[in-house]
Amino acid sequence: MNHIRFEIEHTAYAKIYEALTRFGDYEIGGMLVGYQKEKHHFTIADATIADDIGKFSIFNFIREPIKSMKIVSQLFKKNRFHYMGEWHSHPRFTLTPSSSDVKTMQGILIDKGYGVNFVLLIIAKLNNTKVNMAGFLFHKDLPDFVPATLTHNLSSEIEQPISTFKIP
């Protein structure tokens, strides 16, 4: 089995933290962009915040693609980043994908407009001043999603694991 690892850079982590703080008990989310660092090792370099419409609740939110797609397009041109997946919060629920989360991610996998073989879903929750995250990998070759290895390097010396997964 090959380990695939996703490392979250400070910029992406900070944007997710800020969104969780700002939206509190309401769900919020956005897109994840990054690059392949080496074989089986990807970096999430940035995250968008889908706050361009007012459709938020404690149960869900609707990501209007206009603002996110504009930001992602700029990042692609400027930094040669790639679409890596989606993130959103579950402020009052567990850090596991709901049935609608699974349906959305499977839809992205089969949508030729995205042109991806895999997509990462990060579900996050604020716990005091710390962001708790769980990652899930959806892959065209897998019948179901699997937990993903997420790490972040907030200090330059210590890499902190958040969760793990293996893919065949």
N, C-alpha and C. Protein backbone atom coordinates (compact mmCIF):
# COMPACT_ATOMS: atom_id res chain seq x y z
N MET A 1 0.83 -1.19 0.00
CA MET A 1 0.00 0.00 0.00
C MET A 1 0.87 1.25 0.00
N ASN A 2 0.45 2.22 -0.75
CA ASN A 2 1.16 3.49 -0.80
C ASN A 2 0.50 4.48 0.13
N HIS A 3 1.31 5.18 0.89
CA HIS A 3 0.79 6.28 1.71
C HIS A 3 0.74 7.52 0.84
N ILE A 4 -0.37 8.22 0.87
CA ILE A 4 -0.46 9.52 0.22
C ILE A 4 -0.66 10.53 1.34
N ARG A 5 0.16 11.53 1.33
CA ARG A 5 0.17 12.51 2.43
C ARG A 5 -0.20 13.88 1.90
N PHE A 6 -0.99 14.60 2.67
CA PHE A 6 -1.38 15.97 2.36
C PHE A 6 -0.87 16.87 3.49
N GLU A 7 -0.02 17.80 3.14
CA GLU A 7 0.52 18.75 4.11
C GLU A 7 -0.19 20.09 3.89
N ILE A 8 -0.65 20.69 4.99
CA ILE A 8 -1.36 21.97 4.90
C ILE A 8 -0.41 23.09 5.29
N GLU A 9 -0.16 23.99 4.35
CA GLU A 9 0.70 25.14 4.64
C GLU A 9 -0.03 26.15 5.50
N HIS A 10 0.74 27.02 6.12
CA HIS A 10 0.19 28.00 7.06
C HIS A 10 -0.88 28.89 6.43
N THR A 11 -0.69 29.31 5.18
CA THR A 11 -1.66 30.19 4.53
C THR A 11 -3.05 29.55 4.49
N ALA A 12 -3.12 28.29 4.07
CA ALA A 12 -4.40 27.58 4.00
C ALA A 12 -4.98 27.38 5.40
N TYR A 13 -4.14 26.96 6.34
CA TYR A 13 -4.59 26.72 7.72
C TYR A 13 -5.15 28.01 8.32
N ALA A 14 -4.45 29.13 8.11
CA ALA A 14 -4.87 30.41 8.67
C ALA A 14 -6.21 30.87 8.09
N LYS A 15 -6.42 30.65 6.80
CA LYS A 15 -7.69 31.04 6.19
C LYS A 15 -8.84 30.20 6.73
N ILE A 16 -8.61 28.92 6.91
CA ILE A 16 -9.65 28.06 7.48
C ILE A 16 -9.94 28.47 8.92
N TYR A 17 -8.90 28.75 9.69
CA TYR A 17 -9.08 29.20 11.07
C TYR A 17 -9.90 30.49 11.13
N GLU A 18 -9.55 31.43 10.28
CA GLU A 18 -10.26 32.72 10.26
C GLU A 18 -11.72 32.53 9.90
N ALA A 19 -12.01 31.67 8.93
CA ALA A 19 -13.40 31.43 8.53
C ALA A 19 -14.18 30.75 9.65
N LEU A 20 -13.56 29.79 10.32
CA LEU A 20 -14.23 29.10 11.43
C LEU A 20 -14.55 30.09 12.55
N THR A 21 -13.63 30.98 12.83
CA THR A 21 -13.82 31.99 13.88
C THR A 21 -14.95 32.95 13.49
N ARG A 22 -14.94 33.38 12.25
CA ARG A 22 -15.92 34.37 11.79
C ARG A 22 -17.33 33.80 11.68
N PHE A 23 -17.46 32.54 11.26
CA PHE A 23 -18.78 31.98 11.02
C PHE A 23 -19.35 31.20 12.20
N GLY A 24 -18.54 30.93 13.22
CA GLY A 24 -19.04 30.33 14.45
C GLY A 24 -19.82 29.05 14.25
N ASP A 25 -21.10 29.06 14.64
CA ASP A 25 -21.95 27.87 14.57
C ASP A 25 -22.53 27.60 13.18
N TYR A 26 -22.24 28.48 12.22
CA TYR A 26 -22.71 28.26 10.86
C TYR A 26 -21.66 27.54 10.04
N GLU A 27 -22.11 26.64 9.16
CA GLU A 27 -21.16 25.95 8.28
C GLU A 27 -20.61 26.92 7.25
N ILE A 28 -19.34 26.73 6.93
CA ILE A 28 -18.64 27.51 5.91
C ILE A 28 -17.64 26.58 5.25
N GLY A 29 -17.18 26.93 4.09
CA GLY A 29 -16.21 26.09 3.40
C GLY A 29 -15.62 26.80 2.21
N GLY A 30 -14.96 26.02 1.38
CA GLY A 30 -14.33 26.57 0.19
C GLY A 30 -13.54 25.51 -0.53
N MET A 31 -12.65 25.97 -1.39
CA MET A 31 -11.84 25.07 -2.22
C MET A 31 -10.41 25.02 -1.70
N LEU A 32 -9.73 23.93 -2.02
CA LEU A 32 -8.34 23.72 -1.65
C LEU A 32 -7.49 23.66 -2.92
N VAL A 33 -6.38 24.38 -2.93
CA VAL A 33 -5.46 24.33 -4.07
C VAL A 33 -4.06 24.03 -3.57
N GLY A 34 -3.28 23.41 -4.42
CA GLY A 34 -1.91 23.07 -4.01
C GLY A 34 -1.13 22.46 -5.14
N TYR A 35 -0.14 21.67 -4.77
CA TYR A 35 0.77 21.11 -5.75
C TYR A 35 1.33 19.79 -5.23
N GLN A 36 1.91 19.03 -6.15
CA GLN A 36 2.56 17.78 -5.76
C GLN A 36 4.00 18.10 -5.38
N LYS A 37 4.35 17.78 -4.15
CA LYS A 37 5.68 18.06 -3.63
C LYS A 37 6.66 16.96 -4.07
N GLU A 38 6.22 15.73 -3.97
CA GLU A 38 6.96 14.56 -4.44
C GLU A 38 5.96 13.44 -4.60
N LYS A 39 6.43 12.28 -5.04
CA LYS A 39 5.50 11.16 -5.24
C LYS A 39 4.77 10.85 -3.94
N HIS A 40 3.44 10.78 -4.00
CA HIS A 40 2.56 10.48 -2.86
C HIS A 40 2.58 11.56 -1.77
N HIS A 41 3.05 12.75 -2.07
CA HIS A 41 3.10 13.84 -1.09
C HIS A 41 2.62 15.12 -1.78
N PHE A 42 1.48 15.62 -1.30
CA PHE A 42 0.87 16.82 -1.87
C PHE A 42 0.81 17.91 -0.81
N THR A 43 0.89 19.14 -1.25
CA THR A 43 0.82 20.28 -0.35
C THR A 43 -0.42 21.11 -0.66
N ILE A 44 -1.20 21.38 0.38
CA ILE A 44 -2.33 22.30 0.27
C ILE A 44 -1.76 23.68 0.57
N ALA A 45 -1.63 24.49 -0.46
CA ALA A 45 -0.97 25.78 -0.32
C ALA A 45 -1.94 26.91 0.02
N ASP A 46 -3.19 26.78 -0.38
CA ASP A 46 -4.14 27.86 -0.14
C ASP A 46 -5.56 27.29 -0.08
N ALA A 47 -6.43 28.06 0.52
CA ALA A 47 -7.84 27.69 0.64
C ALA A 47 -8.68 28.93 0.37
N THR A 48 -9.80 28.73 -0.32
CA THR A 48 -10.73 29.84 -0.51
C THR A 48 -11.80 29.77 0.57
N ILE A 49 -12.48 30.88 0.77
CA ILE A 49 -13.62 30.94 1.69
C ILE A 49 -14.83 31.34 0.86
N ALA A 50 -15.80 30.47 0.81
CA ALA A 50 -17.00 30.71 -0.02
C ALA A 50 -18.00 31.55 0.77
N ASP A 51 -17.67 32.81 0.94
CA ASP A 51 -18.53 33.70 1.71
C ASP A 51 -19.19 34.77 0.84
N ASP A 52 -19.30 34.48 -0.46
CA ASP A 52 -19.82 35.48 -1.38
C ASP A 52 -21.34 35.46 -1.53
N ILE A 53 -22.01 34.56 -0.83
CA ILE A 53 -23.47 34.57 -0.79
C ILE A 53 -23.91 34.39 0.66
N GLY A 54 -25.15 34.65 0.95
CA GLY A 54 -25.62 34.58 2.32
C GLY A 54 -26.42 33.34 2.66
N LYS A 55 -26.07 32.18 2.10
CA LYS A 55 -26.83 30.96 2.35
C LYS A 55 -26.05 30.04 3.29
N PHE A 56 -26.14 30.34 4.58
CA PHE A 56 -25.41 29.59 5.59
C PHE A 56 -26.39 29.17 6.67
N SER A 57 -26.14 28.00 7.26
CA SER A 57 -26.94 27.56 8.39
C SER A 57 -26.08 26.65 9.25
N ILE A 58 -26.65 26.16 10.35
CA ILE A 58 -25.88 25.24 11.19
C ILE A 58 -25.79 23.86 10.56
N PHE A 59 -26.59 23.60 9.51
CA PHE A 59 -26.61 22.29 8.87
C PHE A 59 -25.85 22.23 7.55
N ASN A 60 -25.76 23.36 6.85
CA ASN A 60 -25.07 23.34 5.56
C ASN A 60 -24.79 24.75 5.08
N PHE A 61 -24.09 24.82 3.96
CA PHE A 61 -23.88 26.08 3.26
C PHE A 61 -23.82 25.73 1.77
N ILE A 62 -24.04 26.73 0.95
CA ILE A 62 -23.97 26.51 -0.50
C ILE A 62 -22.79 27.32 -1.01
N ARG A 63 -21.84 26.59 -1.64
CA ARG A 63 -20.66 27.28 -2.20
C ARG A 63 -21.02 27.82 -3.56
N GLU A 64 -21.13 29.13 -3.63
CA GLU A 64 -21.33 29.80 -4.91
C GLU A 64 -19.96 29.88 -5.56
N PRO A 65 -19.82 29.36 -6.76
CA PRO A 65 -18.49 29.20 -7.33
C PRO A 65 -17.84 30.47 -7.88
N ILE A 66 -18.56 31.56 -7.96
CA ILE A 66 -18.02 32.74 -8.64
C ILE A 66 -16.75 33.26 -7.98
N LYS A 67 -16.81 33.61 -6.71
CA LYS A 67 -15.64 34.15 -6.02
C LYS A 67 -14.54 33.10 -5.92
N SER A 68 -14.89 31.88 -5.52
CA SER A 68 -13.88 30.83 -5.37
C SER A 68 -13.18 30.53 -6.69
N MET A 69 -13.94 30.41 -7.77
CA MET A 69 -13.34 30.10 -9.06
C MET A 69 -12.43 31.23 -9.54
N LYS A 70 -12.79 32.47 -9.26
CA LYS A 70 -11.96 33.61 -9.64
C LYS A 70 -10.62 33.55 -8.88
N ILE A 71 -10.69 33.28 -7.59
CA ILE A 71 -9.46 33.18 -6.78
C ILE A 71 -8.61 32.00 -7.23
N VAL A 72 -9.25 30.85 -7.43
CA VAL A 72 -8.51 29.66 -7.86
C VAL A 72 -7.86 29.89 -9.22
N SER A 73 -8.58 30.53 -10.14
CA SER A 73 -8.02 30.82 -11.46
C SER A 73 -6.78 31.70 -11.35
N GLN A 74 -6.83 32.71 -10.48
CA GLN A 74 -5.66 33.57 -10.27
C GLN A 74 -4.49 32.79 -9.68
N LEU A 75 -4.79 31.91 -8.72
CA LEU A 75 -3.74 31.09 -8.12
C LEU A 75 -3.11 30.13 -9.13
N PHE A 76 -3.93 29.56 -10.02
CA PHE A 76 -3.42 28.66 -11.05
C PHE A 76 -2.42 29.39 -11.93
N LYS A 77 -2.80 30.58 -12.37
CA LYS A 77 -1.94 31.35 -13.27
C LYS A 77 -0.66 31.82 -12.57
N LYS A 78 -0.81 32.30 -11.35
CA LYS A 78 0.31 32.88 -10.63
C LYS A 78 1.29 31.82 -10.10
N ASN A 79 0.77 30.76 -9.52
CA ASN A 79 1.61 29.81 -8.82
C ASN A 79 1.61 28.40 -9.40
N ARG A 80 0.86 28.20 -10.45
CA ARG A 80 0.74 26.87 -11.05
C ARG A 80 0.20 25.84 -10.07
N PHE A 81 -0.72 26.27 -9.22
CA PHE A 81 -1.38 25.36 -8.30
C PHE A 81 -2.45 24.56 -9.04
N HIS A 82 -2.87 23.48 -8.41
CA HIS A 82 -3.92 22.63 -8.94
C HIS A 82 -5.06 22.53 -7.94
N TYR A 83 -6.24 22.25 -8.45
CA TYR A 83 -7.39 22.00 -7.59
C TYR A 83 -7.13 20.69 -6.84
N MET A 84 -7.25 20.73 -5.49
CA MET A 84 -6.99 19.55 -4.67
C MET A 84 -8.26 19.03 -4.00
N GLY A 85 -9.26 19.90 -3.82
CA GLY A 85 -10.48 19.44 -3.18
C GLY A 85 -11.25 20.55 -2.52
N GLU A 86 -12.00 20.16 -1.50
CA GLU A 86 -12.91 21.06 -0.81
C GLU A 86 -12.68 20.96 0.70
N TRP A 87 -13.07 22.01 1.40
CA TRP A 87 -13.08 21.96 2.86
C TRP A 87 -14.39 22.59 3.31
N HIS A 88 -14.86 22.17 4.45
CA HIS A 88 -15.97 22.87 5.09
C HIS A 88 -16.03 22.48 6.56
N SER A 89 -16.83 23.23 7.27
CA SER A 89 -16.91 23.02 8.72
C SER A 89 -18.11 22.19 9.10
N HIS A 90 -17.98 21.52 10.22
CA HIS A 90 -19.08 20.86 10.92
C HIS A 90 -19.02 21.38 12.36
N PRO A 91 -19.44 22.62 12.59
CA PRO A 91 -19.27 23.20 13.92
C PRO A 91 -20.01 22.48 15.04
N ARG A 92 -21.11 21.83 14.73
CA ARG A 92 -21.90 21.15 15.76
C ARG A 92 -21.97 19.64 15.57
N PHE A 93 -21.26 19.13 14.59
CA PHE A 93 -21.35 17.72 14.27
C PHE A 93 -19.96 17.09 14.22
N THR A 94 -19.93 15.78 14.08
CA THR A 94 -18.65 15.08 14.04
C THR A 94 -17.91 15.41 12.75
N LEU A 95 -16.62 15.15 12.79
CA LEU A 95 -15.77 15.41 11.63
C LEU A 95 -15.78 14.22 10.69
N THR A 96 -16.97 13.84 10.26
CA THR A 96 -17.13 12.77 9.28
C THR A 96 -18.04 13.27 8.16
N PRO A 97 -17.82 12.78 6.95
CA PRO A 97 -18.66 13.25 5.83
C PRO A 97 -20.11 12.82 5.98
N SER A 98 -21.02 13.74 5.71
CA SER A 98 -22.45 13.41 5.67
C SER A 98 -22.75 12.76 4.32
N SER A 99 -23.93 12.26 4.16
CA SER A 99 -24.30 11.65 2.87
C SER A 99 -24.27 12.70 1.76
N SER A 100 -24.65 13.93 2.05
CA SER A 100 -24.58 14.97 1.01
C SER A 100 -23.13 15.36 0.71
N ASP A 101 -22.25 15.30 1.72
CA ASP A 101 -20.82 15.53 1.47
C ASP A 101 -20.28 14.48 0.49
N VAL A 102 -20.62 13.22 0.76
CA VAL A 102 -20.15 12.12 -0.09
C VAL A 102 -20.67 12.29 -1.52
N LYS A 103 -21.94 12.62 -1.65
CA LYS A 103 -22.54 12.81 -2.97
C LYS A 103 -21.86 13.96 -3.73
N THR A 104 -21.58 15.05 -3.03
CA THR A 104 -20.90 16.19 -3.66
C THR A 104 -19.51 15.79 -4.16
N MET A 105 -18.75 15.11 -3.33
CA MET A 105 -17.39 14.74 -3.70
C MET A 105 -17.38 13.72 -4.84
N GLN A 106 -18.29 12.77 -4.81
CA GLN A 106 -18.40 11.81 -5.91
C GLN A 106 -18.79 12.51 -7.20
N GLY A 107 -19.63 13.53 -7.09
CA GLY A 107 -20.02 14.33 -8.26
C GLY A 107 -18.83 15.06 -8.86
N ILE A 108 -17.95 15.57 -8.02
CA ILE A 108 -16.74 16.25 -8.50
C ILE A 108 -15.86 15.26 -9.25
N LEU A 109 -15.73 14.05 -8.72
CA LEU A 109 -14.89 13.03 -9.37
C LEU A 109 -15.37 12.68 -10.78
N ILE A 110 -16.67 12.64 -10.98
CA ILE A 110 -17.17 12.25 -12.30
C ILE A 110 -17.40 13.44 -13.23
N ASP A 111 -17.30 14.66 -12.70
CA ASP A 111 -17.48 15.87 -13.50
C ASP A 111 -16.20 16.11 -14.32
N LYS A 112 -16.30 15.99 -15.63
CA LYS A 112 -15.12 16.15 -16.50
C LYS A 112 -14.55 17.57 -16.46
N GLY A 113 -15.37 18.52 -16.01
CA GLY A 113 -14.90 19.90 -15.88
C GLY A 113 -13.79 20.05 -14.85
N TYR A 114 -13.81 19.20 -13.82
CA TYR A 114 -12.76 19.24 -12.81
C TYR A 114 -11.52 18.50 -13.30
N GLY A 115 -11.69 17.43 -14.05
CA GLY A 115 -10.57 16.68 -14.62
C GLY A 115 -9.62 16.10 -13.57
N VAL A 116 -10.18 15.51 -12.51
CA VAL A 116 -9.35 14.99 -11.43
C VAL A 116 -9.55 13.49 -11.25
N ASN A 117 -8.51 12.82 -10.75
CA ASN A 117 -8.59 11.40 -10.41
C ASN A 117 -8.90 11.20 -8.93
N PHE A 118 -8.57 12.22 -8.14
CA PHE A 118 -8.87 12.17 -6.71
C PHE A 118 -9.27 13.55 -6.25
N VAL A 119 -9.95 13.58 -5.11
CA VAL A 119 -10.32 14.85 -4.50
C VAL A 119 -10.26 14.68 -2.99
N LEU A 120 -9.74 15.67 -2.32
CA LEU A 120 -9.61 15.67 -0.87
C LEU A 120 -10.74 16.47 -0.26
N LEU A 121 -11.35 15.92 0.78
CA LEU A 121 -12.33 16.66 1.56
C LEU A 121 -11.76 16.83 2.97
N ILE A 122 -11.67 18.07 3.42
CA ILE A 122 -11.28 18.35 4.80
C ILE A 122 -12.51 18.89 5.52
N ILE A 123 -12.82 18.27 6.64
CA ILE A 123 -13.90 18.77 7.50
C ILE A 123 -13.24 19.31 8.76
N ALA A 124 -13.62 20.53 9.14
CA ALA A 124 -12.93 21.22 10.22
C ALA A 124 -13.91 21.73 11.26
N LYS A 125 -13.37 21.91 12.46
CA LYS A 125 -14.16 22.42 13.58
C LYS A 125 -13.20 23.18 14.49
N LEU A 126 -13.67 24.30 15.02
CA LEU A 126 -12.87 25.07 15.96
C LEU A 126 -13.08 24.52 17.37
N ASN A 127 -11.99 24.23 18.05
CA ASN A 127 -12.02 23.74 19.43
C ASN A 127 -11.18 24.70 20.25
N ASN A 128 -11.85 25.68 20.88
CA ASN A 128 -11.18 26.80 21.55
C ASN A 128 -10.38 27.57 20.50
N THR A 129 -9.07 27.54 20.57
CA THR A 129 -8.26 28.28 19.60
C THR A 129 -7.55 27.35 18.62
N LYS A 130 -7.89 26.07 18.63
CA LYS A 130 -7.26 25.10 17.75
C LYS A 130 -8.26 24.61 16.70
N VAL A 131 -7.77 24.37 15.50
CA VAL A 131 -8.60 23.81 14.45
C VAL A 131 -8.43 22.30 14.46
N ASN A 132 -9.52 21.58 14.68
CA ASN A 132 -9.52 20.13 14.52
C ASN A 132 -9.93 19.84 13.09
N MET A 133 -9.18 18.98 12.41
CA MET A 133 -9.47 18.65 11.02
C MET A 133 -9.45 17.15 10.82
N ALA A 134 -10.26 16.70 9.89
CA ALA A 134 -10.21 15.32 9.42
C ALA A 134 -10.24 15.37 7.90
N GLY A 135 -9.41 14.55 7.29
CA GLY A 135 -9.33 14.52 5.83
C GLY A 135 -9.83 13.21 5.28
N PHE A 136 -10.43 13.29 4.09
CA PHE A 136 -10.98 12.12 3.43
C PHE A 136 -10.64 12.17 1.95
N LEU A 137 -10.10 11.09 1.45
CA LEU A 137 -9.72 11.01 0.05
C LEU A 137 -10.79 10.25 -0.72
N PHE A 138 -11.23 10.85 -1.81
CA PHE A 138 -12.14 10.22 -2.74
C PHE A 138 -11.32 9.99 -4.02
N HIS A 139 -11.26 8.76 -4.50
CA HIS A 139 -10.43 8.41 -5.65
C HIS A 139 -11.25 7.58 -6.63
N LYS A 140 -11.03 7.82 -7.92
CA LYS A 140 -11.78 7.11 -8.95
C LYS A 140 -11.61 5.59 -8.86
N ASP A 141 -10.47 5.13 -8.36
CA ASP A 141 -10.20 3.69 -8.30
C ASP A 141 -10.65 3.03 -6.99
N LEU A 142 -11.24 3.81 -6.10
CA LEU A 142 -11.70 3.26 -4.83
C LEU A 142 -13.22 3.26 -4.77
N PRO A 143 -13.81 2.20 -4.23
CA PRO A 143 -15.28 2.15 -4.17
C PRO A 143 -15.88 3.10 -3.14
N ASP A 144 -15.06 3.52 -2.17
CA ASP A 144 -15.54 4.40 -1.11
C ASP A 144 -14.41 5.34 -0.70
N PHE A 145 -14.73 6.38 0.02
CA PHE A 145 -13.67 7.29 0.49
C PHE A 145 -12.88 6.62 1.61
N VAL A 146 -11.67 7.13 1.82
CA VAL A 146 -10.81 6.63 2.90
C VAL A 146 -10.29 7.82 3.69
N PRO A 147 -9.99 7.64 4.97
CA PRO A 147 -9.38 8.73 5.74
C PRO A 147 -8.04 9.13 5.11
N ALA A 148 -7.73 10.40 5.13
CA ALA A 148 -6.51 10.92 4.51
C ALA A 148 -5.48 11.33 5.55
N THR A 149 -4.21 11.23 5.20
CA THR A 149 -3.14 11.72 6.05
C THR A 149 -3.06 13.23 5.88
N LEU A 150 -3.29 13.96 6.96
CA LEU A 150 -3.15 15.42 6.96
C LEU A 150 -2.09 15.80 7.98
N THR A 151 -1.18 16.66 7.57
CA THR A 151 -0.22 17.22 8.52
C THR A 151 -0.16 18.72 8.28
N HIS A 152 0.24 19.42 9.31
CA HIS A 152 0.52 20.84 9.13
C HIS A 152 1.80 21.15 9.86
N ASN A 153 2.52 22.11 9.35
CA ASN A 153 3.80 22.48 9.92
C ASN A 153 3.70 23.95 10.34
N LEU A 154 3.08 24.17 11.50
CA LEU A 154 2.86 25.54 11.95
C LEU A 154 4.10 26.13 12.60
N SER A 155 4.89 25.31 13.22
CA SER A 155 6.21 25.77 13.64
C SER A 155 7.17 25.14 12.65
N SER A 156 8.29 25.75 12.43
CA SER A 156 9.19 25.23 11.42
C SER A 156 9.85 23.93 11.85
N GLU A 157 9.67 23.52 13.10
CA GLU A 157 10.36 22.32 13.57
C GLU A 157 9.46 21.11 13.76
N ILE A 158 8.19 21.29 14.08
CA ILE A 158 7.35 20.16 14.46
C ILE A 158 6.22 20.00 13.46
N GLU A 159 6.16 18.84 12.85
CA GLU A 159 5.04 18.51 11.99
C GLU A 159 4.05 17.71 12.80
N GLN A 160 2.80 18.15 12.85
CA GLN A 160 1.80 17.52 13.70
C GLN A 160 0.81 16.74 12.86
N PRO A 161 0.73 15.40 13.06
CA PRO A 161 -0.26 14.64 12.30
C PRO A 161 -1.67 14.93 12.76
N ILE A 162 -2.60 14.99 11.83
CA ILE A 162 -4.00 15.20 12.15
C ILE A 162 -4.78 13.90 11.96
N SER A 163 -4.55 13.19 10.86
CA SER A 163 -5.17 11.89 10.65
C SER A 163 -4.39 11.15 9.57
N THR A 164 -4.68 9.86 9.36
CA THR A 164 -3.90 9.07 8.41
C THR A 164 -4.77 8.19 7.52
N PHE A 165 -4.23 7.79 6.39
CA PHE A 165 -4.88 6.82 5.52
C PHE A 165 -3.85 6.17 4.62
N LYS A 166 -4.22 5.03 4.06
CA LYS A 166 -3.40 4.35 3.05
C LYS A 166 -4.28 4.08 1.84
N ILE A 167 -3.66 4.09 0.68
CA ILE A 167 -4.37 3.78 -0.57
C ILE A 167 -3.62 2.64 -1.26
N PRO A 168 -4.33 1.71 -1.86
CA PRO A 168 -3.65 0.60 -2.54
C PRO A 168 -2.86 1.08 -3.75
